[in-house]
Amino acid sequence: MASKELSMILDRLKRERDILADRLKSQEETKGSDSAFKFQKTWGKLQLNIEFPKILFNELQDTDVFKDIEVRKIDVEGLDCEWITASDSDPDIRLLYLHGGAFMFGDLDTHRHLCAQLAKVSGCSILSVDYRLAPENPFPAALEDCIKAYMWMQKNSYLGVSDARRVFIAGDSAGGTLTLTMLLKLKQLNITLPNAAMTLSASADETRSNNSWVSRENTDFMLGSFAPALRKGAGKESAYLHGHDPKDPLVSPLFGKLEGLPPLLMQVSDAECLRDDSEEFAKKATKAGVDVTLEIWPEMVHVWQAFAPILPEAVEAINNLGAFIRKHSVVDI
């Protein structure tokens, strides 16, 4: 049974979805000759301007989420990053976190509370990356930044230069896409893969051809309003791709060769448009011999983990992530 906190969040998101739908309709009527790329950037701004969950995330900055958490800003070869560590974080066990935001928005601030809670339950040091965003910086800019940060993290901790003992990658939504495409790119470059990786509501197919983009349109109160336009474009009007082939495995990892990937934990909601992306990727990866744990949560919103600690189900999901990391932090597992 869903928590009362989830019911409150869903009720509020339903109202905000209706507001967003009206704004999108107005934009469609007035966009004129504007390019599809500019229009998609407008979508991002519209969603950011919705009061909820933006206000909720801001409120979390003042809670006990950051008790016993240390945040260290750092420049990684020109990239703005930050180390987020808890009192028991091991400097030699490191996780690269890639924030979501449709490749167009999001930053270190928007996901700091989520990273802080993950640091507390995982025992690892988290390096959060402020990668370049579209449309100003389309593919492959974000992927290149993430690869750069990963390679640096292997040789550097928050204490200074030292080799990592165990490394992980995790990301939500578009950050989940980057997590999976990073694995394929690292394999292509013959760079050591992480010991394990985690995705939260990841997109694995930029063509938007999976059935859940239709079947979950009315139950996904965060992405549902965008579903018809995204399906229609089939990835060809993506601000991130900017004309690049949406079936390229480095943007749509579902089309890649998945043999040899590290253990994966994939979390997704049964109610969201991206549901089938995780399920189809998990099926294909499992068939390729990858150790995949797929968690499909009923009724949750897109990236519900970001609503912790207010949402009990979010806390539980983050605890599962922490347990997965601790399991794979043991040497010679």
C-alpha atoms as a PDB file:
ATOM      1  CA  MET A   1       0.000   0.000   0.000  1.00  0.00           C
ATOM      2  CA  ALA A   2       1.321   3.413  -0.965  1.00  0.00           C
ATOM      3  CA  SER A   3       2.285   5.800   1.808  1.00  0.00           C
ATOM      4  CA  LYS A   4       0.241   8.893   2.641  1.00  0.00           C
ATOM      5  CA  GLU A   5       3.266  10.945   1.654  1.00  0.00           C
ATOM      6  CA  LEU A   6       3.131   9.454  -1.843  1.00  0.00           C
ATOM      7  CA  SER A   7      -0.566  10.305  -2.120  1.00  0.00           C
ATOM      8  CA  MET A   8       0.214  13.918  -1.213  1.00  0.00           C
ATOM      9  CA  ILE A   9       3.009  14.121  -3.772  1.00  0.00           C
ATOM     10  CA  LEU A  10       0.881  12.544  -6.515  1.00  0.00           C
ATOM     11  CA  ASP A  11      -2.033  14.910  -5.848  1.00  0.00           C
ATOM     12  CA  ARG A  12       0.249  17.909  -6.110  1.00  0.00           C
ATOM     13  CA  LEU A  13       1.970  16.606  -9.238  1.00  0.00           C
ATOM     14  CA  LYS A  14      -1.413  16.047 -10.921  1.00  0.00           C
ATOM     15  CA  ARG A  15      -2.234  19.725 -10.434  1.00  0.00           C
ATOM     16  CA  GLU A  16       1.171  20.799 -11.690  1.00  0.00           C
ATOM     17  CA  ARG A  17       0.838  18.497 -14.699  1.00  0.00           C
ATOM     18  CA  ASP A  18      -2.356  20.284 -15.729  1.00  0.00           C
ATOM     19  CA  ILE A  19      -0.617  23.660 -15.418  1.00  0.00           C
ATOM     20  CA  LEU A  20       2.277  22.394 -17.523  1.00  0.00           C
ATOM     21  CA  ALA A  21      -0.075  20.975 -20.156  1.00  0.00           C
ATOM     22  CA  ASP A  22      -1.736  24.381 -20.543  1.00  0.00           C
ATOM     23  CA  ARG A  23       1.645  26.091 -20.893  1.00  0.00           C
ATOM     24  CA  LEU A  24       2.825  23.578 -23.472  1.00  0.00           C
ATOM     25  CA  LYS A  25      -0.365  24.047 -25.478  1.00  0.00           C
ATOM     26  CA  SER A  26       0.182  27.796 -25.456  1.00  0.00           C
ATOM     27  CA  GLN A  27       3.778  27.325 -26.608  1.00  0.00           C
ATOM     28  CA  GLU A  28       2.695  25.043 -29.445  1.00  0.00           C
ATOM     29  CA  GLU A  29       0.218  27.677 -30.632  1.00  0.00           C
ATOM     30  CA  THR A  30       2.765  30.513 -30.570  1.00  0.00           C
ATOM     31  CA  LYS A  31       6.112  28.903 -31.395  1.00  0.00           C
ATOM     32  CA  GLY A  32       5.811  29.852 -35.080  1.00  0.00           C
ATOM     33  CA  SER A  33       9.080  29.324 -36.897  1.00  0.00           C
ATOM     34  CA  ASP A  34      11.104  28.523 -33.774  1.00  0.00           C
ATOM     35  CA  SER A  35      13.223  25.418 -34.166  1.00  0.00           C
ATOM     36  CA  ALA A  36      12.327  22.174 -32.414  1.00  0.00           C
ATOM     37  CA  PHE A  37      15.568  22.476 -30.474  1.00  0.00           C
ATOM     38  CA  LYS A  38      14.574  25.876 -29.029  1.00  0.00           C
ATOM     39  CA  PHE A  39      11.117  24.526 -28.228  1.00  0.00           C
ATOM     40  CA  GLN A  40      12.561  21.603 -26.276  1.00  0.00           C
ATOM     41  CA  LYS A  41      14.699  24.019 -24.274  1.00  0.00           C
ATOM     42  CA  THR A  42      11.495  25.919 -23.475  1.00  0.00           C
ATOM     43  CA  TRP A  43       9.973  22.692 -22.165  1.00  0.00           C
ATOM     44  CA  GLY A  44      12.842  22.374 -19.738  1.00  0.00           C
ATOM     45  CA  LYS A  45      12.389  25.929 -18.517  1.00  0.00           C
ATOM     46  CA  LEU A  46       8.653  25.398 -18.090  1.00  0.00           C
ATOM     47  CA  GLN A  47       9.172  22.313 -15.982  1.00  0.00           C
ATOM     48  CA  LEU A  48      11.787  24.068 -13.876  1.00  0.00           C
ATOM     49  CA  ASN A  49       9.343  26.910 -13.224  1.00  0.00           C
ATOM     50  CA  ILE A  50       6.740  24.586 -11.732  1.00  0.00           C
ATOM     51  CA  GLU A  51       6.653  25.232  -8.012  1.00  0.00           C
ATOM     52  CA  PHE A  52       6.586  21.571  -7.049  1.00  0.00           C
ATOM     53  CA  PRO A  53       8.831  19.574  -6.635  1.00  0.00           C
ATOM     54  CA  LYS A  54      11.289  22.463  -6.982  1.00  0.00           C
ATOM     55  CA  ILE A  55      10.209  24.038  -3.684  1.00  0.00           C
ATOM     56  CA  LEU A  56      10.336  20.661  -1.968  1.00  0.00           C
ATOM     57  CA  PHE A  57      13.927  20.104  -3.090  1.00  0.00           C
ATOM     58  CA  ASN A  58      14.901  23.557  -1.849  1.00  0.00           C
ATOM     59  CA  GLU A  59      13.352  22.798   1.532  1.00  0.00           C
ATOM     60  CA  LEU A  60      15.433  19.634   1.806  1.00  0.00           C
ATOM     61  CA  GLN A  61      18.594  21.734   1.859  1.00  0.00           C
ATOM     62  CA  ASP A  62      17.635  22.814   5.395  1.00  0.00           C
ATOM     63  CA  THR A  63      16.819  19.377   6.840  1.00  0.00           C
ATOM     64  CA  ASP A  64      18.958  16.807   8.629  1.00  0.00           C
ATOM     65  CA  VAL A  65      19.857  15.389   5.209  1.00  0.00           C
ATOM     66  CA  PHE A  66      23.173  17.230   5.425  1.00  0.00           C
ATOM     67  CA  LYS A  67      23.962  16.403   9.033  1.00  0.00           C
ATOM     68  CA  ASP A  68      27.430  14.788   9.162  1.00  0.00           C
ATOM     69  CA  ILE A  69      27.852  15.414   5.423  1.00  0.00           C
ATOM     70  CA  GLU A  70      30.811  17.282   3.968  1.00  0.00           C
ATOM     71  CA  VAL A  71      30.676  18.888   0.531  1.00  0.00           C
ATOM     72  CA  ARG A  72      33.958  19.783  -1.177  1.00  0.00           C
ATOM     73  CA  LYS A  73      33.887  21.782  -4.418  1.00  0.00           C
ATOM     74  CA  ILE A  74      36.574  20.769  -6.885  1.00  0.00           C
ATOM     75  CA  ASP A  75      37.672  21.555 -10.428  1.00  0.00           C
ATOM     76  CA  VAL A  76      38.238  18.391 -12.448  1.00  0.00           C
ATOM     77  CA  GLU A  77      40.162  19.440 -15.536  1.00  0.00           C
ATOM     78  CA  GLY A  78      37.765  22.330 -16.160  1.00  0.00           C
ATOM     79  CA  LEU A  79      34.627  20.559 -14.916  1.00  0.00           C
ATOM     80  CA  ASP A  80      32.762  21.816 -11.861  1.00  0.00           C
ATOM     81  CA  CYS A  81      32.382  18.832  -9.535  1.00  0.00           C
ATOM     82  CA  GLU A  82      31.967  18.200  -5.833  1.00  0.00           C
ATOM     83  CA  TRP A  83      32.877  15.450  -3.424  1.00  0.00           C
ATOM     84  CA  ILE A  84      30.025  14.488  -1.099  1.00  0.00           C
ATOM     85  CA  THR A  85      31.076  12.356   1.855  1.00  0.00           C
ATOM     86  CA  ALA A  86      29.558  11.049   5.069  1.00  0.00           C
ATOM     87  CA  SER A  87      31.410  10.406   8.318  1.00  0.00           C
ATOM     88  CA  ASP A  88      32.131   6.784   7.323  1.00  0.00           C
ATOM     89  CA  SER A  89      32.824   7.358   3.604  1.00  0.00           C
ATOM     90  CA  ASP A  90      35.835   5.382   2.410  1.00  0.00           C
ATOM     91  CA  PRO A  91      38.090   7.622   0.275  1.00  0.00           C
ATOM     92  CA  ASP A  92      39.151   4.602  -1.780  1.00  0.00           C
ATOM     93  CA  ILE A  93      35.601   3.493  -2.629  1.00  0.00           C
ATOM     94  CA  ARG A  94      34.250   6.050  -5.097  1.00  0.00           C
ATOM     95  CA  LEU A  95      31.016   6.613  -6.952  1.00  0.00           C
ATOM     96  CA  LEU A  96      30.511   8.933  -9.908  1.00  0.00           C
ATOM     97  CA  TYR A  97      26.995  10.429  -9.771  1.00  0.00           C
ATOM     98  CA  LEU A  98      25.365  11.799 -12.935  1.00  0.00           C
ATOM     99  CA  HIS A  99      22.323  14.012 -12.378  1.00  0.00           C
ATOM    100  CA  GLY A 100      19.170  13.888 -14.473  1.00  0.00           C
ATOM    101  CA  GLY A 101      17.327  16.693 -16.230  1.00  0.00           C
ATOM    102  CA  ALA A 102      16.639  15.651 -19.850  1.00  0.00           C
ATOM    103  CA  PHE A 103      20.244  16.591 -20.756  1.00  0.00           C
ATOM    104  CA  MET A 104      19.087  20.242 -20.633  1.00  0.00           C
ATOM    105  CA  PHE A 105      18.961  21.186 -16.968  1.00  0.00           C
ATOM    106  CA  GLY A 106      19.902  20.079 -13.483  1.00  0.00           C
ATOM    107  CA  ASP A 107      23.197  20.708 -11.727  1.00  0.00           C
ATOM    108  CA  LEU A 108      25.153  20.005  -8.551  1.00  0.00           C
ATOM    109  CA  ASP A 109      22.594  21.883  -6.441  1.00  0.00           C
ATOM    110  CA  THR A 110      19.517  19.986  -7.648  1.00  0.00           C
ATOM    111  CA  HIS A 111      20.883  16.559  -6.720  1.00  0.00           C
ATOM    112  CA  ARG A 112      23.049  17.298  -3.693  1.00  0.00           C
ATOM    113  CA  HIS A 113      20.406  16.082  -1.236  1.00  0.00           C
ATOM    114  CA  LEU A 114      20.067  12.760  -3.085  1.00  0.00           C
ATOM    115  CA  CYS A 115      23.834  12.253  -3.210  1.00  0.00           C
ATOM    116  CA  ALA A 116      24.138  13.081   0.489  1.00  0.00           C
ATOM    117  CA  GLN A 117      21.656  10.379   1.442  1.00  0.00           C
ATOM    118  CA  LEU A 118      23.331   7.864  -0.842  1.00  0.00           C
ATOM    119  CA  ALA A 119      26.698   8.654   0.737  1.00  0.00           C
ATOM    120  CA  LYS A 120      25.275   7.933   4.196  1.00  0.00           C
ATOM    121  CA  VAL A 121      23.969   4.472   3.330  1.00  0.00           C
ATOM    122  CA  SER A 122      26.694   3.300   0.927  1.00  0.00           C
ATOM    123  CA  GLY A 123      29.946   4.009   2.757  1.00  0.00           C
ATOM    124  CA  CYS A 124      31.483   5.440  -0.413  1.00  0.00           C
ATOM    125  CA  SER A 125      32.717   8.865  -1.485  1.00  0.00           C
ATOM    126  CA  ILE A 126      30.531  10.437  -4.164  1.00  0.00           C
ATOM    127  CA  LEU A 127      31.820  12.649  -6.963  1.00  0.00           C
ATOM    128  CA  SER A 128      28.923  14.597  -8.506  1.00  0.00           C
ATOM    129  CA  VAL A 129      29.539  16.024 -11.986  1.00  0.00           C
ATOM    130  CA  ASP A 130      28.212  19.248 -13.511  1.00  0.00           C
ATOM    131  CA  TYR A 131      28.478  18.086 -17.116  1.00  0.00           C
ATOM    132  CA  ARG A 132      27.736  20.338 -20.090  1.00  0.00           C
ATOM    133  CA  LEU A 133      24.074  20.689 -21.081  1.00  0.00           C
ATOM    134  CA  ALA A 134      22.125  20.840 -24.341  1.00  0.00           C
ATOM    135  CA  PRO A 135      21.130  22.556 -26.527  1.00  0.00           C
ATOM    136  CA  GLU A 136      24.252  24.709 -26.231  1.00  0.00           C
ATOM    137  CA  ASN A 137      26.355  21.555 -25.852  1.00  0.00           C
ATOM    138  CA  PRO A 138      24.702  18.617 -27.658  1.00  0.00           C
ATOM    139  CA  PHE A 139      25.945  15.024 -27.880  1.00  0.00           C
ATOM    140  CA  PRO A 140      28.667  13.950 -27.234  1.00  0.00           C
ATOM    141  CA  ALA A 141      29.595  16.770 -24.810  1.00  0.00           C
ATOM    142  CA  ALA A 142      27.926  15.323 -21.695  1.00  0.00           C
ATOM    143  CA  LEU A 143      29.321  11.845 -22.335  1.00  0.00           C
ATOM    144  CA  GLU A 144      32.826  13.229 -22.853  1.00  0.00           C
ATOM    145  CA  ASP A 145      32.632  15.150 -19.575  1.00  0.00           C
ATOM    146  CA  CYS A 146      31.479  12.084 -17.664  1.00  0.00           C
ATOM    147  CA  ILE A 147      34.281   9.943 -19.101  1.00  0.00           C
ATOM    148  CA  LYS A 148      36.810  12.624 -18.133  1.00  0.00           C
ATOM    149  CA  ALA A 149      35.468  12.770 -14.562  1.00  0.00           C
ATOM    150  CA  TYR A 150      35.454   8.970 -14.277  1.00  0.00           C
ATOM    151  CA  MET A 151      39.074   8.631 -15.363  1.00  0.00           C
ATOM    152  CA  TRP A 152      40.120  11.383 -12.948  1.00  0.00           C
ATOM    153  CA  MET A 153      38.162   9.758 -10.101  1.00  0.00           C
ATOM    154  CA  GLN A 154      40.005   6.480 -10.578  1.00  0.00           C
ATOM    155  CA  LYS A 155      43.262   8.234  -9.635  1.00  0.00           C
ATOM    156  CA  ASN A 156      42.055  10.869  -7.156  1.00  0.00           C
ATOM    157  CA  SER A 157      40.098  10.899  -3.892  1.00  0.00           C
ATOM    158  CA  TYR A 158      38.843  13.808  -1.801  1.00  0.00           C
ATOM    159  CA  LEU A 159      42.094  13.452   0.172  1.00  0.00           C
ATOM    160  CA  GLY A 160      44.353  13.752  -2.859  1.00  0.00           C
ATOM    161  CA  VAL A 161      46.050  11.556  -5.441  1.00  0.00           C
ATOM    162  CA  SER A 162      45.482   7.820  -4.852  1.00  0.00           C
ATOM    163  CA  ASP A 163      44.169   4.832  -6.776  1.00  0.00           C
ATOM    164  CA  ALA A 164      40.597   3.774  -6.108  1.00  0.00           C
ATOM    165  CA  ARG A 165      39.986   0.336  -4.631  1.00  0.00           C
ATOM    166  CA  ARG A 166      36.414   0.085  -5.933  1.00  0.00           C
ATOM    167  CA  VAL A 167      34.544   2.393  -8.323  1.00  0.00           C
ATOM    168  CA  PHE A 168      30.861   2.784  -9.190  1.00  0.00           C
ATOM    169  CA  ILE A 169      28.667   4.853 -11.496  1.00  0.00           C
ATOM    170  CA  ALA A 170      25.065   5.881 -10.837  1.00  0.00           C
ATOM    171  CA  GLY A 171      22.597   8.314 -12.367  1.00  0.00           C
ATOM    172  CA  ASP A 172      18.935   9.212 -12.613  1.00  0.00           C
ATOM    173  CA  SER A 173      16.823   9.788 -15.734  1.00  0.00           C
ATOM    174  CA  ALA A 174      19.197  11.321 -18.327  1.00  0.00           C
ATOM    175  CA  GLY A 175      21.986  10.620 -15.844  1.00  0.00           C
ATOM    176  CA  GLY A 176      20.916   6.984 -15.991  1.00  0.00           C
ATOM    177  CA  THR A 177      21.249   7.112 -19.762  1.00  0.00           C
ATOM    178  CA  LEU A 178      24.749   8.521 -19.363  1.00  0.00           C
ATOM    179  CA  THR A 179      25.560   5.776 -16.868  1.00  0.00           C
ATOM    180  CA  LEU A 180      24.693   3.079 -19.402  1.00  0.00           C
ATOM    181  CA  THR A 181      26.300   4.804 -22.380  1.00  0.00           C
ATOM    182  CA  MET A 182      29.431   5.363 -20.303  1.00  0.00           C
ATOM    183  CA  LEU A 183      29.715   1.619 -19.779  1.00  0.00           C
ATOM    184  CA  LEU A 184      29.571   1.046 -23.532  1.00  0.00           C
ATOM    185  CA  LYS A 185      32.054   3.833 -24.263  1.00  0.00           C
ATOM    186  CA  LEU A 186      34.490   2.659 -21.576  1.00  0.00           C
ATOM    187  CA  LYS A 187      34.343  -0.843 -23.024  1.00  0.00           C
ATOM    188  CA  GLN A 188      34.954   0.589 -26.492  1.00  0.00           C
ATOM    189  CA  LEU A 189      37.999   2.511 -25.215  1.00  0.00           C
ATOM    190  CA  ASN A 190      39.339  -0.485 -23.248  1.00  0.00           C
ATOM    191  CA  ILE A 191      39.155   1.526 -20.022  1.00  0.00           C
ATOM    192  CA  THR A 192      38.563  -0.393 -16.794  1.00  0.00           C
ATOM    193  CA  LEU A 193      34.832  -0.701 -16.115  1.00  0.00           C
ATOM    194  CA  PRO A 194      33.341   0.117 -12.709  1.00  0.00           C
ATOM    195  CA  ASN A 195      32.699  -2.670 -10.232  1.00  0.00           C
ATOM    196  CA  ALA A 196      28.961  -2.065 -10.584  1.00  0.00           C
ATOM    197  CA  ALA A 197      26.498   0.562 -11.811  1.00  0.00           C
ATOM    198  CA  MET A 198      23.024   1.790 -10.862  1.00  0.00           C
ATOM    199  CA  THR A 199      20.263   3.551 -12.792  1.00  0.00           C
ATOM    200  CA  LEU A 200      17.210   5.375 -11.462  1.00  0.00           C
ATOM    201  CA  SER A 201      14.377   5.779 -13.998  1.00  0.00           C
ATOM    202  CA  ALA A 202      16.835   5.665 -16.890  1.00  0.00           C
ATOM    203  CA  SER A 203      16.090   6.289 -20.535  1.00  0.00           C
ATOM    204  CA  ALA A 204      17.666   3.554 -22.653  1.00  0.00           C
ATOM    205  CA  ASP A 205      16.013   4.238 -26.017  1.00  0.00           C
ATOM    206  CA  GLU A 206      15.955   7.797 -27.382  1.00  0.00           C
ATOM    207  CA  THR A 207      13.569   6.748 -30.184  1.00  0.00           C
ATOM    208  CA  ARG A 208      10.809   6.610 -27.543  1.00  0.00           C
ATOM    209  CA  SER A 209       9.368   3.517 -29.206  1.00  0.00           C
ATOM    210  CA  ASN A 210       8.669   1.436 -26.099  1.00  0.00           C
ATOM    211  CA  ASN A 211       5.009   0.798 -25.313  1.00  0.00           C
ATOM    212  CA  SER A 212       5.106   2.446 -21.877  1.00  0.00           C
ATOM    213  CA  TRP A 213       5.383   5.859 -23.567  1.00  0.00           C
ATOM    214  CA  VAL A 214       1.751   5.247 -24.545  1.00  0.00           C
ATOM    215  CA  SER A 215       0.436   3.009 -21.770  1.00  0.00           C
ATOM    216  CA  ARG A 216       1.851   5.157 -18.927  1.00  0.00           C
ATOM    217  CA  GLU A 217       1.159   8.584 -20.384  1.00  0.00           C
ATOM    218  CA  ASN A 218      -1.719   9.239 -17.975  1.00  0.00           C
ATOM    219  CA  THR A 219      -0.044   7.770 -14.886  1.00  0.00           C
ATOM    220  CA  ASP A 220       3.302   9.544 -15.258  1.00  0.00           C
ATOM    221  CA  PHE A 221       2.687  12.982 -13.777  1.00  0.00           C
ATOM    222  CA  MET A 222       6.176  14.257 -14.562  1.00  0.00           C
ATOM    223  CA  LEU A 223       6.898  13.042 -18.107  1.00  0.00           C
ATOM    224  CA  GLY A 224       3.399  12.224 -19.347  1.00  0.00           C
ATOM    225  CA  SER A 225       2.704  15.735 -20.631  1.00  0.00           C
ATOM    226  CA  PHE A 226       5.712  15.454 -22.935  1.00  0.00           C
ATOM    227  CA  ALA A 227       4.991  11.913 -24.148  1.00  0.00           C
ATOM    228  CA  PRO A 228       3.003  12.665 -27.347  1.00  0.00           C
ATOM    229  CA  ALA A 229       5.565  15.136 -28.688  1.00  0.00           C
ATOM    230  CA  LEU A 230       8.501  12.924 -27.754  1.00  0.00           C
ATOM    231  CA  ARG A 231       6.946   9.914 -29.487  1.00  0.00           C
ATOM    232  CA  LYS A 232       6.209  11.954 -32.578  1.00  0.00           C
ATOM    233  CA  GLY A 233       9.776  13.162 -32.890  1.00  0.00           C
ATOM    234  CA  ALA A 234      11.206   9.653 -32.333  1.00  0.00           C
ATOM    235  CA  GLY A 235      14.395  11.282 -31.099  1.00  0.00           C
ATOM    236  CA  LYS A 236      15.044  13.198 -34.311  1.00  0.00           C
ATOM    237  CA  GLU A 237      14.138  16.567 -32.754  1.00  0.00           C
ATOM    238  CA  SER A 238      16.039  15.999 -29.521  1.00  0.00           C
ATOM    239  CA  ALA A 239      17.933  19.033 -28.227  1.00  0.00           C
ATOM    240  CA  TYR A 240      20.589  16.646 -26.914  1.00  0.00           C
ATOM    241  CA  LEU A 241      21.048  14.667 -30.128  1.00  0.00           C
ATOM    242  CA  HIS A 242      20.787  17.714 -32.420  1.00  0.00           C
ATOM    243  CA  GLY A 243      20.312  15.554 -35.489  1.00  0.00           C
ATOM    244  CA  HIS A 244      22.494  12.650 -34.365  1.00  0.00           C
ATOM    245  CA  ASP A 245      21.175   9.134 -35.031  1.00  0.00           C
ATOM    246  CA  PRO A 246      18.898   8.217 -32.076  1.00  0.00           C
ATOM    247  CA  LYS A 247      19.757   4.541 -32.577  1.00  0.00           C
ATOM    248  CA  ASP A 248      23.452   5.090 -31.879  1.00  0.00           C
ATOM    249  CA  PRO A 249      24.200   2.903 -28.817  1.00  0.00           C
ATOM    250  CA  LEU A 250      26.108   5.819 -27.278  1.00  0.00           C
ATOM    251  CA  VAL A 251      22.811   7.703 -26.962  1.00  0.00           C
ATOM    252  CA  SER A 252      20.401   4.744 -26.871  1.00  0.00           C
ATOM    253  CA  PRO A 253      22.242   1.987 -24.990  1.00  0.00           C
ATOM    254  CA  LEU A 254      19.429  -0.493 -25.626  1.00  0.00           C
ATOM    255  CA  PHE A 255      20.858  -0.882 -29.152  1.00  0.00           C
ATOM    256  CA  GLY A 256      24.371  -1.649 -27.917  1.00  0.00           C
ATOM    257  CA  LYS A 257      26.321  -4.860 -27.398  1.00  0.00           C
ATOM    258  CA  LEU A 258      25.940  -5.491 -23.682  1.00  0.00           C
ATOM    259  CA  GLU A 259      28.272  -8.442 -23.142  1.00  0.00           C
ATOM    260  CA  GLY A 260      30.875  -7.853 -20.452  1.00  0.00           C
ATOM    261  CA  LEU A 261      29.083  -5.096 -18.554  1.00  0.00           C
ATOM    262  CA  PRO A 262      29.434  -5.009 -14.745  1.00  0.00           C
ATOM    263  CA  PRO A 263      26.613  -5.891 -12.311  1.00  0.00           C
ATOM    264  CA  LEU A 264      23.655  -3.526 -12.592  1.00  0.00           C
ATOM    265  CA  LEU A 265      20.879  -2.403 -10.265  1.00  0.00           C
ATOM    266  CA  MET A 266      18.052  -0.729 -12.177  1.00  0.00           C
ATOM    267  CA  GLN A 267      15.171   0.979 -10.369  1.00  0.00           C
ATOM    268  CA  VAL A 268      12.088   2.216 -12.228  1.00  0.00           C
ATOM    269  CA  SER A 269       8.427   2.919 -11.489  1.00  0.00           C
ATOM    270  CA  ASP A 270       5.678   0.811 -13.007  1.00  0.00           C
ATOM    271  CA  ALA A 271       3.704   4.036 -13.514  1.00  0.00           C
ATOM    272  CA  GLU A 272       6.242   5.992 -15.576  1.00  0.00           C
ATOM    273  CA  CYS A 273       6.795   6.369 -19.295  1.00  0.00           C
ATOM    274  CA  LEU A 274      10.356   5.055 -19.012  1.00  0.00           C
ATOM    275  CA  ARG A 275       9.264   1.798 -17.390  1.00  0.00           C
ATOM    276  CA  ASP A 276       9.862  -0.377 -20.455  1.00  0.00           C
ATOM    277  CA  ASP A 277      13.280   1.152 -21.124  1.00  0.00           C
ATOM    278  CA  SER A 278      14.647  -0.375 -17.931  1.00  0.00           C
ATOM    279  CA  GLU A 279      12.821  -3.668 -18.381  1.00  0.00           C
ATOM    280  CA  GLU A 280      13.925  -4.131 -22.002  1.00  0.00           C
ATOM    281  CA  PHE A 281      17.513  -3.188 -21.199  1.00  0.00           C
ATOM    282  CA  ALA A 282      17.544  -5.564 -18.223  1.00  0.00           C
ATOM    283  CA  LYS A 283      16.228  -8.419 -20.381  1.00  0.00           C
ATOM    284  CA  LYS A 284      18.797  -7.851 -23.105  1.00  0.00           C
ATOM    285  CA  ALA A 285      21.649  -7.448 -20.621  1.00  0.00           C
ATOM    286  CA  THR A 286      20.666 -10.596 -18.743  1.00  0.00           C
ATOM    287  CA  LYS A 287      20.588 -12.525 -22.021  1.00  0.00           C
ATOM    288  CA  ALA A 288      24.108 -11.195 -22.674  1.00  0.00           C
ATOM    289  CA  GLY A 289      25.317 -12.658 -19.380  1.00  0.00           C
ATOM    290  CA  VAL A 290      25.192  -9.488 -17.263  1.00  0.00           C
ATOM    291  CA  ASP A 291      24.199  -9.752 -13.594  1.00  0.00           C
ATOM    292  CA  VAL A 292      21.138  -7.462 -13.493  1.00  0.00           C
ATOM    293  CA  THR A 293      18.851  -6.667 -10.579  1.00  0.00           C
ATOM    294  CA  LEU A 294      15.669  -4.971 -11.820  1.00  0.00           C
ATOM    295  CA  GLU A 295      13.354  -3.289  -9.314  1.00  0.00           C
ATOM    296  CA  ILE A 296       9.967  -2.185 -10.676  1.00  0.00           C
ATOM    297  CA  TRP A 297       8.171  -0.143  -8.014  1.00  0.00           C
ATOM    298  CA  PRO A 298       4.372   0.315  -8.188  1.00  0.00           C
ATOM    299  CA  GLU A 299       2.792   3.780  -8.271  1.00  0.00           C
ATOM    300  CA  MET A 300       6.017   5.783  -7.880  1.00  0.00           C
ATOM    301  CA  VAL A 301       6.783   9.024  -9.698  1.00  0.00           C
ATOM    302  CA  HIS A 302       9.712   9.496 -12.052  1.00  0.00           C
ATOM    303  CA  VAL A 303      12.942   9.475  -9.971  1.00  0.00           C
ATOM    304  CA  TRP A 304      10.981   9.127  -6.723  1.00  0.00           C
ATOM    305  CA  GLN A 305      14.276   8.593  -4.897  1.00  0.00           C
ATOM    306  CA  ALA A 306      14.772  12.368  -5.068  1.00  0.00           C
ATOM    307  CA  PHE A 307      11.823  12.824  -2.687  1.00  0.00           C
ATOM    308  CA  ALA A 308      13.721  11.273   0.224  1.00  0.00           C
ATOM    309  CA  PRO A 309      13.594  11.667   3.173  1.00  0.00           C
ATOM    310  CA  ILE A 310       9.984  12.918   2.880  1.00  0.00           C
ATOM    311  CA  LEU A 311       8.819   9.861   0.924  1.00  0.00           C
ATOM    312  CA  PRO A 312       9.289   6.517   2.759  1.00  0.00           C
ATOM    313  CA  GLU A 313       9.474   4.578  -0.502  1.00  0.00           C
ATOM    314  CA  ALA A 314      12.316   6.852  -1.612  1.00  0.00           C
ATOM    315  CA  VAL A 315      14.249   6.131   1.571  1.00  0.00           C
ATOM    316  CA  GLU A 316      13.746   2.394   1.017  1.00  0.00           C
ATOM    317  CA  ALA A 317      14.956   2.616  -2.583  1.00  0.00           C
ATOM    318  CA  ILE A 318      18.078   4.544  -1.552  1.00  0.00           C
ATOM    319  CA  ASN A 319      18.754   1.959   1.147  1.00  0.00           C
ATOM    320  CA  ASN A 320      18.626  -0.713  -1.572  1.00  0.00           C
ATOM    321  CA  LEU A 321      21.172   1.252  -3.584  1.00  0.00           C
ATOM    322  CA  GLY A 322      23.402   1.517  -0.536  1.00  0.00           C
ATOM    323  CA  ALA A 323      23.191  -2.213   0.157  1.00  0.00           C
ATOM    324  CA  PHE A 324      24.049  -2.956  -3.485  1.00  0.00           C
ATOM    325  CA  ILE A 325      27.119  -0.717  -3.301  1.00  0.00           C
ATOM    326  CA  ARG A 326      28.278  -2.231  -0.021  1.00  0.00           C
ATOM    327  CA  LYS A 327      27.859  -5.726  -1.457  1.00  0.00           C
ATOM    328  CA  HIS A 328      30.071  -4.881  -4.420  1.00  0.00           C
ATOM    329  CA  SER A 329      32.541  -2.901  -2.328  1.00  0.00           C
ATOM    330  CA  VAL A 330      33.916  -6.149  -0.941  1.00  0.00           C
ATOM    331  CA  VAL A 331      37.141  -7.086  -2.705  1.00  0.00           C
ATOM    332  CA  ASP A 332      37.132 -10.391  -4.609  1.00  0.00           C
ATOM    333  CA  ILE A 333      33.345 -10.717  -4.436  1.00  0.00           C
END
